[in-house]
């Protein structure tokens, strides 16, 4: 059975870092929800095994980070997933704000 909305949603804490915001955007698209908080649970928002596979794929293609599917299951809230992605990115790639700023500049240059 689907959980009651009051049970599945925790107190909303907005994603702060660029990485958290990017992951929240991916969750919003996959789960078809309007907002995702830092402590929201992927599965309680409607996620399931097929969406975990799509989530891992999107992280790889959009953030260039490999996340094992079994680890994505364990990191079921947004904050935990952001920490996992940061760890898997490697020490040279932890400055996501700088990376995303550079990508934005490249996109503006190409336009």
PDB file of N, CA and C in Angstrom:
ATOM      1  N   UNK A   1       0.826  -1.207   0.000  1.00  0.00           N
ATOM      2  CA  UNK A   1       0.000   0.000   0.000  1.00  0.00           C
ATOM      3  C   UNK A   1       0.857   1.252   0.000  1.00  0.00           C
ATOM      4  N   UNK A   2       0.340   2.301  -0.620  1.00  0.00           N
ATOM      5  CA  UNK A   2       1.037   3.573  -0.644  1.00  0.00           C
ATOM      6  C   UNK A   2       0.997   4.209   0.737  1.00  0.00           C
ATOM      7  N   UNK A   3       2.119   4.751   1.202  1.00  0.00           N
ATOM      8  CA  UNK A   3       2.112   5.399   2.512  1.00  0.00           C
ATOM      9  C   UNK A   3       1.290   6.685   2.471  1.00  0.00           C
ATOM     10  N   UNK A   4       0.765   7.062   3.617  1.00  0.00           N
ATOM     11  CA  UNK A   4       0.048   8.329   3.728  1.00  0.00           C
ATOM     12  C   UNK A   4       1.045   9.460   3.499  1.00  0.00           C
ATOM     13  N   UNK A   5       0.595  10.538   2.864  1.00  0.00           N
ATOM     14  CA  UNK A   5       1.487  11.640   2.557  1.00  0.00           C
ATOM     15  C   UNK A   5       2.121  12.198   3.819  1.00  0.00           C
ATOM     16  N   UNK A   6       1.368  12.295   4.896  1.00  0.00           N
ATOM     17  CA  UNK A   6       1.903  12.818   6.141  1.00  0.00           C
ATOM     18  C   UNK A   6       3.020  11.957   6.695  1.00  0.00           C
ATOM     19  N   UNK A   7       2.975  10.666   6.444  1.00  0.00           N
ATOM     20  CA  UNK A   7       4.008   9.770   6.930  1.00  0.00           C
ATOM     21  C   UNK A   7       5.244   9.814   6.046  1.00  0.00           C
ATOM     22  N   UNK A   8       5.066  10.015   4.765  1.00  0.00           N
ATOM     23  CA  UNK A   8       6.183   9.904   3.840  1.00  0.00           C
ATOM     24  C   UNK A   8       7.003  11.181   3.753  1.00  0.00           C
ATOM     25  N   UNK A   9       6.430  12.332   4.049  1.00  0.00           N
ATOM     26  CA  UNK A   9       7.151  13.595   3.931  1.00  0.00           C
ATOM     27  C   UNK A   9       7.682  14.036   5.283  1.00  0.00           C
ATOM     28  N   UNK A  10       8.942  14.332   5.332  1.00  0.00           N
ATOM     29  CA  UNK A  10       9.542  14.859   6.531  1.00  0.00           C
ATOM     30  C   UNK A  10       9.482  16.377   6.463  1.00  0.00           C
ATOM     31  N   UNK A  11       9.891  17.022   7.527  1.00  0.00           N
ATOM     32  CA  UNK A  11       9.944  18.480   7.498  1.00  0.00           C
ATOM     33  C   UNK A  11      10.832  18.908   6.334  1.00  0.00           C
ATOM     34  N   UNK A  12      10.338  19.814   5.520  1.00  0.00           N
ATOM     35  CA  UNK A  12      11.061  20.196   4.312  1.00  0.00           C
ATOM     36  C   UNK A  12      12.322  20.974   4.661  1.00  0.00           C
ATOM     37  N   UNK A  13      13.433  20.485   4.133  1.00  0.00           N
ATOM     38  CA  UNK A  13      14.720  21.174   4.201  1.00  0.00           C
ATOM     39  C   UNK A  13      15.199  21.276   2.766  1.00  0.00           C
ATOM     40  N   UNK A  14      15.318  22.484   2.262  1.00  0.00           N
ATOM     41  CA  UNK A  14      15.691  22.693   0.867  1.00  0.00           C
ATOM     42  C   UNK A  14      17.126  22.238   0.597  1.00  0.00           C
ATOM     43  N   UNK A  15      17.359  21.653  -0.569  1.00  0.00           N
ATOM     44  CA  UNK A  15      18.725  21.319  -0.968  1.00  0.00           C
ATOM     45  C   UNK A  15      19.558  22.600  -1.039  1.00  0.00           C
ATOM     46  N   UNK A  16      20.769  22.553  -0.529  1.00  0.00           N
ATOM     47  CA  UNK A  16      21.595  23.758  -0.447  1.00  0.00           C
ATOM     48  C   UNK A  16      22.666  23.823  -1.540  1.00  0.00           C
ATOM     49  N   UNK A  17      23.463  22.794  -1.644  1.00  0.00           N
ATOM     50  CA  UNK A  17      24.595  22.827  -2.577  1.00  0.00           C
ATOM     51  C   UNK A  17      24.106  22.628  -4.016  1.00  0.00           C
ATOM     52  N   UNK A  18      24.968  22.946  -4.928  1.00  0.00           N
ATOM     53  CA  UNK A  18      24.659  22.745  -6.348  1.00  0.00           C
ATOM     54  C   UNK A  18      24.390  21.265  -6.625  1.00  0.00           C
ATOM     55  N   UNK A  19      25.187  20.396  -6.026  1.00  0.00           N
ATOM     56  CA  UNK A  19      24.991  18.961  -6.214  1.00  0.00           C
ATOM     57  C   UNK A  19      23.621  18.525  -5.694  1.00  0.00           C
ATOM     58  N   UNK A  20      23.267  18.943  -4.489  1.00  0.00           N
ATOM     59  CA  UNK A  20      21.959  18.593  -3.927  1.00  0.00           C
ATOM     60  C   UNK A  20      20.828  19.111  -4.805  1.00  0.00           C
ATOM     61  N   UNK A  21      20.971  20.314  -5.324  1.00  0.00           N
ATOM     62  CA  UNK A  21      19.943  20.887  -6.194  1.00  0.00           C
ATOM     63  C   UNK A  21      19.828  20.121  -7.503  1.00  0.00           C
ATOM     64  N   UNK A  22      20.951  19.728  -8.073  1.00  0.00           N
ATOM     65  CA  UNK A  22      20.913  18.948  -9.320  1.00  0.00           C
ATOM     66  C   UNK A  22      20.255  17.594  -9.094  1.00  0.00           C
ATOM     67  N   UNK A  23      20.616  16.922  -7.986  1.00  0.00           N
ATOM     68  CA  UNK A  23      20.000  15.635  -7.670  1.00  0.00           C
ATOM     69  C   UNK A  23      18.508  15.795  -7.402  1.00  0.00           C
ATOM     70  N   UNK A  24      18.128  16.860  -6.710  1.00  0.00           N
ATOM     71  CA  UNK A  24      16.704  17.109  -6.450  1.00  0.00           C
ATOM     72  C   UNK A  24      15.947  17.276  -7.764  1.00  0.00           C
ATOM     73  N   UNK A  25      16.551  17.955  -8.727  1.00  0.00           N
ATOM     74  CA  UNK A  25      15.919  18.114 -10.037  1.00  0.00           C
ATOM     75  C   UNK A  25      15.715  16.783 -10.745  1.00  0.00           C
ATOM     76  N   UNK A  26      16.701  15.921 -10.648  1.00  0.00           N
ATOM     77  CA  UNK A  26      16.581  14.587 -11.246  1.00  0.00           C
ATOM     78  C   UNK A  26      15.455  13.818 -10.568  1.00  0.00           C
ATOM     79  N   UNK A  27      15.403  13.861  -9.244  1.00  0.00           N
ATOM     80  CA  UNK A  27      14.329  13.181  -8.501  1.00  0.00           C
ATOM     81  C   UNK A  27      12.974  13.737  -8.908  1.00  0.00           C
ATOM     82  N   UNK A  28      12.861  15.056  -9.012  1.00  0.00           N
ATOM     83  CA  UNK A  28      11.579  15.666  -9.378  1.00  0.00           C
ATOM     84  C   UNK A  28      11.097  15.147 -10.726  1.00  0.00           C
ATOM     85  N   UNK A  29      11.997  15.054 -11.675  1.00  0.00           N
ATOM     86  CA  UNK A  29      11.613  14.568 -12.999  1.00  0.00           C
ATOM     87  C   UNK A  29      11.234  13.086 -12.965  1.00  0.00           C
ATOM     88  N   UNK A  30      12.047  12.281 -12.310  1.00  0.00           N
ATOM     89  CA  UNK A  30      11.780  10.847 -12.273  1.00  0.00           C
ATOM     90  C   UNK A  30      10.519  10.510 -11.484  1.00  0.00           C
ATOM     91  N   UNK A  31      10.337  11.189 -10.360  1.00  0.00           N
ATOM     92  CA  UNK A  31       9.219  10.878  -9.469  1.00  0.00           C
ATOM     93  C   UNK A  31       7.973  11.705  -9.764  1.00  0.00           C
ATOM     94  N   UNK A  32       8.118  12.688 -10.660  1.00  0.00           N
ATOM     95  CA  UNK A  32       7.002  13.566 -11.029  1.00  0.00           C
ATOM     96  C   UNK A  32       6.395  14.235  -9.792  1.00  0.00           C
ATOM     97  N   UNK A  33       7.280  14.863  -9.004  1.00  0.00           N
ATOM     98  CA  UNK A  33       6.876  15.636  -7.838  1.00  0.00           C
ATOM     99  C   UNK A  33       7.380  17.060  -8.009  1.00  0.00           C
ATOM    100  N   UNK A  34       6.719  17.999  -7.320  1.00  0.00           N
ATOM    101  CA  UNK A  34       7.067  19.406  -7.490  1.00  0.00           C
ATOM    102  C   UNK A  34       8.296  19.837  -6.715  1.00  0.00           C
ATOM    103  N   UNK A  35       8.514  19.245  -5.542  1.00  0.00           N
ATOM    104  CA  UNK A  35       9.693  19.628  -4.775  1.00  0.00           C
ATOM    105  C   UNK A  35      10.229  18.423  -4.023  1.00  0.00           C
ATOM    106  N   UNK A  36      11.527  18.442  -3.818  1.00  0.00           N
ATOM    107  CA  UNK A  36      12.193  17.373  -3.088  1.00  0.00           C
ATOM    108  C   UNK A  36      13.083  18.027  -2.046  1.00  0.00           C
ATOM    109  N   UNK A  37      12.927  17.598  -0.808  1.00  0.00           N
ATOM    110  CA  UNK A  37      13.743  18.116   0.281  1.00  0.00           C
ATOM    111  C   UNK A  37      14.930  17.219   0.557  1.00  0.00           C
ATOM    112  N   UNK A  38      15.844  17.751   1.309  1.00  0.00           N
ATOM    113  CA  UNK A  38      17.084  17.061   1.620  1.00  0.00           C
ATOM    114  C   UNK A  38      16.848  15.743   2.350  1.00  0.00           C
ATOM    115  N   UNK A  39      15.787  15.656   3.148  1.00  0.00           N
ATOM    116  CA  UNK A  39      15.532  14.452   3.938  1.00  0.00           C
ATOM    117  C   UNK A  39      14.412  13.587   3.366  1.00  0.00           C
ATOM    118  N   UNK A  40      13.930  13.929   2.177  1.00  0.00           N
ATOM    119  CA  UNK A  40      12.881  13.123   1.567  1.00  0.00           C
ATOM    120  C   UNK A  40      13.428  11.770   1.136  1.00  0.00           C
ATOM    121  N   UNK A  41      12.583  10.764   1.250  1.00  0.00           N
ATOM    122  CA  UNK A  41      12.950   9.392   0.933  1.00  0.00           C
ATOM    123  C   UNK A  41      12.489   9.054  -0.481  1.00  0.00           C
ATOM    124  N   UNK A  42      13.400   8.588  -1.313  1.00  0.00           N
ATOM    125  CA  UNK A  42      13.121   8.271  -2.714  1.00  0.00           C
ATOM    126  C   UNK A  42      11.947   7.309  -2.852  1.00  0.00           C
ATOM    127  N   UNK A  43      11.935   6.272  -2.043  1.00  0.00           N
ATOM    128  CA  UNK A  43      10.909   5.239  -2.160  1.00  0.00           C
ATOM    129  C   UNK A  43       9.559   5.709  -1.614  1.00  0.00           C
ATOM    130  N   UNK A  44       9.588   6.524  -0.577  1.00  0.00           N
ATOM    131  CA  UNK A  44       8.339   7.050  -0.036  1.00  0.00           C
ATOM    132  C   UNK A  44       7.695   8.071  -0.967  1.00  0.00           C
ATOM    133  N   UNK A  45       8.486   8.653  -1.857  1.00  0.00           N
ATOM    134  CA  UNK A  45       7.945   9.595  -2.842  1.00  0.00           C
ATOM    135  C   UNK A  45       7.450   8.895  -4.103  1.00  0.00           C
ATOM    136  N   UNK A  46       7.523   7.571  -4.120  1.00  0.00           N
ATOM    137  CA  UNK A  46       7.022   6.822  -5.267  1.00  0.00           C
ATOM    138  C   UNK A  46       8.085   6.088  -6.059  1.00  0.00           C
ATOM    139  N   UNK A  47       9.321   6.140  -5.601  1.00  0.00           N
ATOM    140  CA  UNK A  47      10.398   5.448  -6.295  1.00  0.00           C
ATOM    141  C   UNK A  47      10.265   3.940  -6.189  1.00  0.00           C
ATOM    142  N   UNK A  48      10.837   3.260  -7.161  1.00  0.00           N
ATOM    143  CA  UNK A  48      10.836   1.797  -7.175  1.00  0.00           C
ATOM    144  C   UNK A  48      12.084   1.340  -7.923  1.00  0.00           C
ATOM    145  N   UNK A  49      12.264   0.040  -8.054  1.00  0.00           N
ATOM    146  CA  UNK A  49      13.510  -0.506  -8.587  1.00  0.00           C
ATOM    147  C   UNK A  49      13.847   0.014  -9.985  1.00  0.00           C
ATOM    148  N   UNK A  50      12.871   0.125 -10.855  1.00  0.00           N
ATOM    149  CA  UNK A  50      13.156   0.620 -12.206  1.00  0.00           C
ATOM    150  C   UNK A  50      13.592   2.076 -12.193  1.00  0.00           C
ATOM    151  N   UNK A  51      12.992   2.853 -11.290  1.00  0.00           N
ATOM    152  CA  UNK A  51      13.396   4.256 -11.193  1.00  0.00           C
ATOM    153  C   UNK A  51      14.787   4.406 -10.581  1.00  0.00           C
ATOM    154  N   UNK A  52      15.189   3.475  -9.727  1.00  0.00           N
ATOM    155  CA  UNK A  52      16.556   3.514  -9.195  1.00  0.00           C
ATOM    156  C   UNK A  52      17.544   3.314 -10.338  1.00  0.00           C
ATOM    157  N   UNK A  53      17.243   2.406 -11.241  1.00  0.00           N
ATOM    158  CA  UNK A  53      18.116   2.176 -12.397  1.00  0.00           C
ATOM    159  C   UNK A  53      18.197   3.443 -13.248  1.00  0.00           C
ATOM    160  N   UNK A  54      17.065   4.086 -13.471  1.00  0.00           N
ATOM    161  CA  UNK A  54      17.063   5.337 -14.246  1.00  0.00           C
ATOM    162  C   UNK A  54      17.808   6.439 -13.501  1.00  0.00           C
ATOM    163  N   UNK A  55      17.664   6.481 -12.180  1.00  0.00           N
ATOM    164  CA  UNK A  55      18.364   7.474 -11.366  1.00  0.00           C
ATOM    165  C   UNK A  55      19.877   7.310 -11.499  1.00  0.00           C
ATOM    166  N   UNK A  56      20.358   6.100 -11.355  1.00  0.00           N
ATOM    167  CA  UNK A  56      21.792   5.825 -11.471  1.00  0.00           C
ATOM    168  C   UNK A  56      22.294   6.195 -12.867  1.00  0.00           C
ATOM    169  N   UNK A  57      21.496   5.909 -13.871  1.00  0.00           N
ATOM    170  CA  UNK A  57      21.866   6.255 -15.246  1.00  0.00           C
ATOM    171  C   UNK A  57      21.948   7.772 -15.430  1.00  0.00           C
ATOM    172  N   UNK A  58      20.973   8.496 -14.895  1.00  0.00           N
ATOM    173  CA  UNK A  58      20.977   9.958 -15.012  1.00  0.00           C
ATOM    174  C   UNK A  58      22.161  10.567 -14.272  1.00  0.00           C
ATOM    175  N   UNK A  59      22.498  10.024 -13.112  1.00  0.00           N
ATOM    176  CA  UNK A  59      23.656  10.528 -12.370  1.00  0.00           C
ATOM    177  C   UNK A  59      24.922  10.331 -13.203  1.00  0.00           C
ATOM    178  N   UNK A  60      25.018   9.188 -13.846  1.00  0.00           N
ATOM    179  CA  UNK A  60      26.201   8.914 -14.675  1.00  0.00           C
ATOM    180  C   UNK A  60      26.270   9.865 -15.873  1.00  0.00           C
ATOM    181  N   UNK A  61      25.152  10.069 -16.566  1.00  0.00           N
ATOM    182  CA  UNK A  61      25.186  10.892 -17.778  1.00  0.00           C
ATOM    183  C   UNK A  61      25.228  12.387 -17.481  1.00  0.00           C
ATOM    184  N   UNK A  62      24.603  12.821 -16.389  1.00  0.00           N
ATOM    185  CA  UNK A  62      24.536  14.262 -16.105  1.00  0.00           C
ATOM    186  C   UNK A  62      25.639  14.743 -15.169  1.00  0.00           C
ATOM    187  N   UNK A  63      26.071  13.886 -14.254  1.00  0.00           N
ATOM    188  CA  UNK A  63      27.065  14.301 -13.269  1.00  0.00           C
ATOM    189  C   UNK A  63      28.405  13.591 -13.459  1.00  0.00           C
ATOM    190  N   UNK A  64      28.433  12.616 -14.386  1.00  0.00           N
ATOM    191  CA  UNK A  64      29.659  11.886 -14.712  1.00  0.00           C
ATOM    192  C   UNK A  64      30.222  11.140 -13.491  1.00  0.00           C
ATOM    193  N   UNK A  65      29.317  10.576 -12.714  1.00  0.00           N
ATOM    194  CA  UNK A  65      29.714   9.837 -11.521  1.00  0.00           C
ATOM    195  C   UNK A  65      29.030   8.472 -11.550  1.00  0.00           C
ATOM    196  N   UNK A  66      29.814   7.428 -11.314  1.00  0.00           N
ATOM    197  CA  UNK A  66      29.280   6.069 -11.236  1.00  0.00           C
ATOM    198  C   UNK A  66      28.784   5.810  -9.820  1.00  0.00           C
ATOM    199  N   UNK A  67      27.528   5.395  -9.705  1.00  0.00           N
ATOM    200  CA  UNK A  67      26.959   5.015  -8.421  1.00  0.00           C
ATOM    201  C   UNK A  67      26.401   3.602  -8.578  1.00  0.00           C
ATOM    202  N   UNK A  68      26.947   2.645  -7.835  1.00  0.00           N
ATOM    203  CA  UNK A  68      26.397   1.292  -7.906  1.00  0.00           C
ATOM    204  C   UNK A  68      24.929   1.272  -7.472  1.00  0.00           C
ATOM    205  N   UNK A  69      24.131   0.486  -8.154  1.00  0.00           N
ATOM    206  CA  UNK A  69      22.697   0.429  -7.871  1.00  0.00           C
ATOM    207  C   UNK A  69      22.437   0.061  -6.416  1.00  0.00           C
ATOM    208  N   UNK A  70      23.173  -0.919  -5.895  1.00  0.00           N
ATOM    209  CA  UNK A  70      22.935  -1.330  -4.509  1.00  0.00           C
ATOM    210  C   UNK A  70      23.227  -0.186  -3.535  1.00  0.00           C
ATOM    211  N   UNK A  71      24.201   0.672  -3.847  1.00  0.00           N
ATOM    212  CA  UNK A  71      24.485   1.824  -2.993  1.00  0.00           C
ATOM    213  C   UNK A  71      23.371   2.859  -3.072  1.00  0.00           C
ATOM    214  N   UNK A  72      22.772   3.006  -4.254  1.00  0.00           N
ATOM    215  CA  UNK A  72      21.665   3.947  -4.406  1.00  0.00           C
ATOM    216  C   UNK A  72      20.467   3.522  -3.557  1.00  0.00           C
ATOM    217  N   UNK A  73      20.265   2.229  -3.417  1.00  0.00           N
ATOM    218  CA  UNK A  73      19.192   1.735  -2.550  1.00  0.00           C
ATOM    219  C   UNK A  73      19.443   2.115  -1.095  1.00  0.00           C
ATOM    220  N   UNK A  74      20.683   2.029  -0.669  1.00  0.00           N
ATOM    221  CA  UNK A  74      21.020   2.331   0.727  1.00  0.00           C
ATOM    222  C   UNK A  74      20.962   3.825   1.012  1.00  0.00           C
ATOM    223  N   UNK A  75      21.300   4.636   0.029  1.00  0.00           N
ATOM    224  CA  UNK A  75      21.268   6.095   0.182  1.00  0.00           C
ATOM    225  C   UNK A  75      19.918   6.586  -0.307  1.00  0.00           C
ATOM    226  N   UNK A  76      18.869   6.310   0.465  1.00  0.00           N
ATOM    227  CA  UNK A  76      17.527   6.541  -0.040  1.00  0.00           C
ATOM    228  C   UNK A  76      16.964   7.933   0.229  1.00  0.00           C
ATOM    229  N   UNK A  77      17.697   8.793   0.962  1.00  0.00           N
ATOM    230  CA  UNK A  77      17.239  10.176   1.030  1.00  0.00           C
ATOM    231  C   UNK A  77      18.226  11.047   0.257  1.00  0.00           C
ATOM    232  N   UNK A  78      17.787  12.235  -0.094  1.00  0.00           N
ATOM    233  CA  UNK A  78      18.572  13.090  -0.987  1.00  0.00           C
ATOM    234  C   UNK A  78      19.929  13.445  -0.395  1.00  0.00           C
ATOM    235  N   UNK A  79      19.972  13.750   0.892  1.00  0.00           N
ATOM    236  CA  UNK A  79      21.240  14.096   1.525  1.00  0.00           C
ATOM    237  C   UNK A  79      22.232  12.950   1.481  1.00  0.00           C
ATOM    238  N   UNK A  80      21.762  11.746   1.768  1.00  0.00           N
ATOM    239  CA  UNK A  80      22.632  10.573   1.729  1.00  0.00           C
ATOM    240  C   UNK A  80      23.116  10.311   0.307  1.00  0.00           C
ATOM    241  N   UNK A  81      22.246  10.486  -0.670  1.00  0.00           N
ATOM    242  CA  UNK A  81      22.651  10.273  -2.055  1.00  0.00           C
ATOM    243  C   UNK A  81      23.683  11.308  -2.480  1.00  0.00           C
ATOM    244  N   UNK A  82      23.500  12.564  -2.085  1.00  0.00           N
ATOM    245  CA  UNK A  82      24.469  13.601  -2.429  1.00  0.00           C
ATOM    246  C   UNK A  82      25.840  13.274  -1.830  1.00  0.00           C
ATOM    247  N   UNK A  83      25.860  12.793  -0.592  1.00  0.00           N
ATOM    248  CA  UNK A  83      27.125  12.412   0.038  1.00  0.00           C
ATOM    249  C   UNK A  83      27.770  11.249  -0.716  1.00  0.00           C
ATOM    250  N   UNK A  84      26.958  10.286  -1.129  1.00  0.00           N
ATOM    251  CA  UNK A  84      27.466   9.138  -1.882  1.00  0.00           C
ATOM    252  C   UNK A  84      28.045   9.580  -3.226  1.00  0.00           C
ATOM    253  N   UNK A  85      27.337  10.437  -3.936  1.00  0.00           N
ATOM    254  CA  UNK A  85      27.826  10.920  -5.230  1.00  0.00           C
ATOM    255  C   UNK A  85      29.136  11.677  -5.042  1.00  0.00           C
ATOM    256  N   UNK A  86      29.204  12.508  -4.016  1.00  0.00           N
ATOM    257  CA  UNK A  86      30.435  13.263  -3.758  1.00  0.00           C
ATOM    258  C   UNK A  86      31.599  12.324  -3.464  1.00  0.00           C
ATOM    259  N   UNK A  87      31.359  11.285  -2.674  1.00  0.00           N
ATOM    260  CA  UNK A  87      32.425  10.311  -2.371  1.00  0.00           C
ATOM    261  C   UNK A  87      32.873   9.579  -3.635  1.00  0.00           C
ATOM    262  N   UNK A  88      31.918   9.190  -4.466  1.00  0.00           N
ATOM    263  CA  UNK A  88      32.245   8.424  -5.673  1.00  0.00           C
ATOM    264  C   UNK A  88      32.869   9.286  -6.766  1.00  0.00           C
ATOM    265  N   UNK A  89      32.722  10.587  -6.648  1.00  0.00           N
ATOM    266  CA  UNK A  89      33.265  11.477  -7.675  1.00  0.00           C
ATOM    267  C   UNK A  89      34.782  11.527  -7.625  1.00  0.00           C
ATOM    268  N   UNK A  90      35.370  11.219  -6.510  1.00  0.00           N
ATOM    269  CA  UNK A  90      36.817  11.283  -6.384  1.00  0.00           C
ATOM    270  C   UNK A  90      37.237  12.643  -5.867  1.00  0.00           C
ATOM    271  N   UNK A  91      38.407  12.719  -5.287  1.00  0.00           N
ATOM    272  CA  UNK A  91      38.847  13.949  -4.629  1.00  0.00           C
ATOM    273  C   UNK A  91      38.983  15.140  -5.567  1.00  0.00           C
ATOM    274  N   UNK A  92      39.295  14.927  -6.817  1.00  0.00           N
ATOM    275  CA  UNK A  92      39.487  16.052  -7.734  1.00  0.00           C
ATOM    276  C   UNK A  92      38.168  16.646  -8.207  1.00  0.00           C
ATOM    277  N   UNK A  93      37.052  15.960  -7.969  1.00  0.00           N
ATOM    278  CA  UNK A  93      35.775  16.417  -8.515  1.00  0.00           C
ATOM    279  C   UNK A  93      34.796  16.881  -7.445  1.00  0.00           C
ATOM    280  N   UNK A  94      35.257  17.193  -6.247  1.00  0.00           N
ATOM    281  CA  UNK A  94      34.352  17.568  -5.173  1.00  0.00           C
ATOM    282  C   UNK A  94      33.861  18.997  -5.275  1.00  0.00           C
ATOM    283  N   UNK A  95      34.456  19.828  -6.092  1.00  0.00           N
ATOM    284  CA  UNK A  95      34.017  21.213  -6.199  1.00  0.00           C
ATOM    285  C   UNK A  95      32.975  21.329  -7.313  1.00  0.00           C
ATOM    286  N   UNK A  96      31.772  20.846  -7.013  1.00  0.00           N
ATOM    287  CA  UNK A  96      30.711  20.827  -8.018  1.00  0.00           C
ATOM    288  C   UNK A  96      30.299  22.221  -8.452  1.00  0.00           C
ATOM    289  N   UNK A  97      30.306  23.176  -7.547  1.00  0.00           N
ATOM    290  CA  UNK A  97      29.924  24.529  -7.931  1.00  0.00           C
ATOM    291  C   UNK A  97      30.825  25.051  -9.036  1.00  0.00           C
ATOM    292  N   UNK A  98      32.119  24.845  -8.921  1.00  0.00           N
ATOM    293  CA  UNK A  98      33.058  25.305  -9.948  1.00  0.00           C
ATOM    294  C   UNK A  98      32.848  24.554 -11.258  1.00  0.00           C
ATOM    295  N   UNK A  99      32.590  23.260 -11.152  1.00  0.00           N
ATOM    296  CA  UNK A  99      32.358  22.463 -12.361  1.00  0.00           C
ATOM    297  C   UNK A  99      31.101  22.937 -13.084  1.00  0.00           C
ATOM    298  N   UNK A 100      30.006  23.123 -12.338  1.00  0.00           N
ATOM    299  CA  UNK A 100      28.754  23.542 -12.968  1.00  0.00           C
ATOM    300  C   UNK A 100      28.861  24.967 -13.511  1.00  0.00           C
ATOM    301  N   UNK A 101      29.599  25.843 -12.824  1.00  0.00           N
ATOM    302  CA  UNK A 101      29.814  27.195 -13.336  1.00  0.00           C
ATOM    303  C   UNK A 101      30.561  27.146 -14.669  1.00  0.00           C
ATOM    304  N   UNK A 102      31.581  26.294 -14.749  1.00  0.00           N
ATOM    305  CA  UNK A 102      32.340  26.169 -15.993  1.00  0.00           C
ATOM    306  C   UNK A 102      31.466  25.625 -17.115  1.00  0.00           C
ATOM    307  N   UNK A 103      30.601  24.657 -16.805  1.00  0.00           N
ATOM    308  CA  UNK A 103      29.696  24.113 -17.816  1.00  0.00           C
ATOM    309  C   UNK A 103      28.714  25.181 -18.297  1.00  0.00           C
ATOM    310  N   UNK A 104      28.204  26.001 -17.362  1.00  0.00           N
ATOM    311  CA  UNK A 104      27.294  27.078 -17.742  1.00  0.00           C
ATOM    312  C   UNK A 104      27.983  28.066 -18.677  1.00  0.00           C
ATOM    313  N   UNK A 105      29.236  28.381 -18.369  1.00  0.00           N
ATOM    314  CA  UNK A 105      29.988  29.299 -19.226  1.00  0.00           C
ATOM    315  C   UNK A 105      30.182  28.719 -20.620  1.00  0.00           C
ATOM    316  N   UNK A 106      30.489  27.435 -20.694  1.00  0.00           N
ATOM    317  CA  UNK A 106      30.652  26.776 -21.994  1.00  0.00           C
ATOM    318  C   UNK A 106      29.348  26.788 -22.788  1.00  0.00           C
ATOM    319  N   UNK A 107      28.243  26.520 -22.115  1.00  0.00           N
ATOM    320  CA  UNK A 107      26.957  26.540 -22.793  1.00  0.00           C
ATOM    321  C   UNK A 107      26.629  27.931 -23.298  1.00  0.00           C
ATOM    322  N   UNK A 108      26.927  28.959 -22.524  1.00  0.00           N
ATOM    323  CA  UNK A 108      26.683  30.338 -22.943  1.00  0.00           C
ATOM    324  C   UNK A 108      27.573  30.706 -24.126  1.00  0.00           C
ATOM    325  N   UNK A 109      28.791  30.199 -24.130  1.00  0.00           N
ATOM    326  CA  UNK A 109      29.723  30.480 -25.215  1.00  0.00           C
ATOM    327  C   UNK A 109      29.260  29.845 -26.523  1.00  0.00           C
ATOM    328  N   UNK A 110      28.695  28.610 -26.410  1.00  0.00           N
ATOM    329  CA  UNK A 110      28.229  27.895 -27.607  1.00  0.00           C
ATOM    330  C   UNK A 110      26.964  28.506 -28.173  1.00  0.00           C
ATOM    331  N   UNK A 111      26.205  29.221 -27.382  1.00  0.00           N
ATOM    332  CA  UNK A 111      24.914  29.764 -27.831  1.00  0.00           C
ATOM    333  C   UNK A 111      25.051  30.942 -28.711  1.00  0.00           C
TER     334      UNK A 111
END
